[in-house]
Amino acid sequence: MAKQYVPKKQSGLGQFIDSLFILVLVYVSLYIPLLLKSEAVAEKAADAPKPTWETLQLSPVVQQQWEKLGYDAEKAAGLIASRFDYTIDPLMLIITVAVIVGYFIFMVKVSDKQYREVIAEKFGDAGTARNGRTT
């Protein structure tokens, strides 16, 4: 008979640290594109003339709303000019797809191994012999 399967235990501190790590990864992954884009926008802004509400072609009502949010024409110009920029970098798309597919394959393999250990524990080696695989 197969050895007794004992699931791994994780302490509360370990779970807390894992949760913080995942949270940091999420924030970093969302913040890095903003940092990279803001540097590119700052370089473009240095060459461009100082924007005004008239050059941005905004109505007086929209101007007032921007001002209520605490923006002047110069601060709002960067947001207005780049808000609908949906360009996709092919290299970054390929890297993202590779990471997601790699993670999926890793999870399927680890889950398959753990699933087979549990089946072997509950039903013995006969459960794994039926489908032609051994653990």
Protein backbone atom coordinates (compact mmCIF):
# COMPACT_ATOMS: atom_id res chain seq x y z
CA MET A 1 0.00 0.00 0.00
CA ALA A 2 1.16 3.56 -0.67
CA LYS A 3 2.46 5.70 2.13
CA GLN A 4 -0.04 7.81 4.03
CA TYR A 5 -0.62 11.17 2.33
CA VAL A 6 -0.19 14.05 4.75
CA PRO A 7 -1.18 17.46 3.40
CA LYS A 8 1.28 20.24 4.05
CA LYS A 9 0.39 22.69 6.82
CA GLN A 10 1.18 26.39 6.69
CA SER A 11 1.22 28.65 9.70
CA GLY A 12 -0.88 31.79 9.96
CA LEU A 13 2.27 33.91 9.68
CA GLY A 14 3.24 32.07 6.50
CA GLN A 15 -0.20 32.71 5.00
CA PHE A 16 0.03 36.39 5.96
CA ILE A 17 3.47 36.72 4.36
CA ASP A 18 2.25 34.95 1.20
CA SER A 19 -0.75 37.28 1.02
CA LEU A 20 1.45 40.36 1.39
CA PHE A 21 3.83 39.04 -1.26
CA ILE A 22 0.98 38.50 -3.74
CA LEU A 23 -0.41 41.96 -2.94
CA VAL A 24 2.99 43.57 -3.57
CA LEU A 25 3.34 41.68 -6.86
CA VAL A 26 -0.08 42.92 -7.99
CA TYR A 27 0.70 46.54 -7.13
CA VAL A 28 4.13 46.40 -8.75
CA SER A 29 2.79 44.78 -11.91
CA LEU A 30 0.13 47.48 -12.19
CA TYR A 31 2.45 50.36 -11.29
CA ILE A 32 5.44 49.57 -13.56
CA PRO A 33 3.63 50.44 -16.82
CA LEU A 34 2.56 53.75 -15.30
CA LEU A 35 6.14 54.58 -14.37
CA LEU A 36 7.46 53.66 -17.80
CA LYS A 37 4.73 55.62 -19.55
CA SER A 38 5.08 58.68 -17.31
CA GLU A 39 8.78 58.93 -18.20
CA ALA A 40 7.94 58.83 -21.91
CA VAL A 41 5.21 61.45 -21.47
CA ALA A 42 7.58 63.69 -19.51
CA GLU A 43 10.13 63.57 -22.34
CA LYS A 44 7.47 64.53 -24.89
CA ALA A 45 6.13 67.28 -22.65
CA ALA A 46 9.55 68.93 -22.40
CA ASP A 47 9.57 69.56 -26.16
CA ALA A 48 5.93 70.67 -26.49
CA PRO A 49 4.70 74.22 -25.81
CA LYS A 50 2.84 74.88 -22.57
CA PRO A 51 -0.82 73.83 -23.02
CA THR A 52 -3.78 76.07 -22.27
CA TRP A 53 -7.49 75.29 -21.98
CA GLU A 54 -7.98 76.79 -25.44
CA THR A 55 -5.32 74.58 -27.07
CA LEU A 56 -6.91 71.53 -25.41
CA GLN A 57 -10.23 72.53 -27.01
CA LEU A 58 -12.35 71.91 -23.93
CA SER A 59 -15.67 73.55 -23.21
CA PRO A 60 -15.94 75.89 -20.20
CA VAL A 61 -18.01 73.30 -18.32
CA VAL A 62 -15.35 70.63 -18.79
CA GLN A 63 -12.65 73.13 -17.78
CA GLN A 64 -14.50 73.81 -14.53
CA GLN A 65 -14.76 70.09 -13.80
CA TRP A 66 -11.01 69.64 -14.30
CA GLU A 67 -10.36 72.59 -12.00
CA LYS A 68 -12.68 71.11 -9.34
CA LEU A 69 -10.52 67.98 -9.46
CA GLY A 70 -7.46 70.14 -8.80
CA TYR A 71 -5.97 70.12 -12.30
CA ASP A 72 -4.76 73.05 -14.30
CA ALA A 73 -4.37 72.94 -18.10
CA GLU A 74 -0.77 71.75 -17.89
CA LYS A 75 -1.52 68.82 -15.55
CA ALA A 76 -4.68 67.83 -17.42
CA ALA A 77 -3.00 67.88 -20.84
CA GLY A 78 -1.07 64.66 -20.21
CA LEU A 79 -4.18 62.82 -19.08
CA ILE A 80 -6.32 64.14 -21.91
CA ALA A 81 -3.77 63.32 -24.59
CA SER A 82 -3.04 59.75 -23.47
CA ARG A 83 -6.31 58.41 -22.09
CA PHE A 84 -7.24 56.35 -25.18
CA ASP A 85 -3.81 54.98 -26.03
CA TYR A 86 -4.31 51.21 -26.37
CA THR A 87 -1.15 50.33 -28.26
CA ILE A 88 0.10 46.82 -27.59
CA ASP A 89 3.78 46.03 -27.42
CA PRO A 90 4.16 42.64 -29.16
CA LEU A 91 7.22 41.62 -27.13
CA MET A 92 5.50 42.33 -23.81
CA LEU A 93 2.38 40.50 -25.02
CA ILE A 94 4.46 37.42 -25.90
CA ILE A 95 6.22 37.54 -22.52
CA THR A 96 2.89 37.87 -20.70
CA VAL A 97 1.36 34.95 -22.60
CA ALA A 98 4.47 32.82 -21.96
CA VAL A 99 4.34 33.52 -18.22
CA ILE A 100 0.62 32.75 -17.98
CA VAL A 101 0.87 29.54 -20.04
CA GLY A 102 3.98 28.46 -18.11
CA TYR A 103 2.21 29.04 -14.80
CA PHE A 104 -0.83 27.10 -16.03
CA ILE A 105 1.31 24.13 -17.12
CA PHE A 106 3.17 24.21 -13.78
CA MET A 107 -0.11 24.21 -11.83
CA VAL A 108 -1.55 21.34 -13.89
CA LYS A 109 1.56 19.20 -13.32
CA VAL A 110 1.71 19.91 -9.57
CA SER A 111 -2.04 19.34 -9.19
CA ASP A 112 -1.81 16.07 -11.16
CA LYS A 113 0.99 14.81 -8.88
CA GLN A 114 -0.91 15.74 -5.71
CA TYR A 115 -4.15 14.28 -7.09
CA ARG A 116 -2.41 10.97 -7.80
CA GLU A 117 -0.96 10.90 -4.26
CA VAL A 118 -4.43 11.35 -2.76
CA ILE A 119 -5.95 8.68 -5.02
CA ALA A 120 -3.12 6.28 -4.16
CA GLU A 121 -3.71 6.91 -0.45
CA LYS A 122 -7.46 6.38 -0.62
CA PHE A 123 -7.61 3.49 -3.10
CA GLY A 124 -4.12 2.01 -3.03
CA ASP A 125 -1.93 1.32 -6.04
CA ALA A 126 -4.84 -0.37 -7.84
CA GLY A 127 -6.45 3.02 -8.42
CA THR A 128 -3.45 4.25 -10.37
CA ALA A 129 -2.96 0.95 -12.23
CA ARG A 130 -6.41 1.17 -13.85
CA ASN A 131 -5.50 4.15 -15.99
CA GLY A 132 -2.08 2.79 -16.88
CA ARG A 133 -0.02 5.22 -14.82
CA THR A 134 2.01 4.70 -11.71
CA THR A 135 3.11 7.17 -9.09
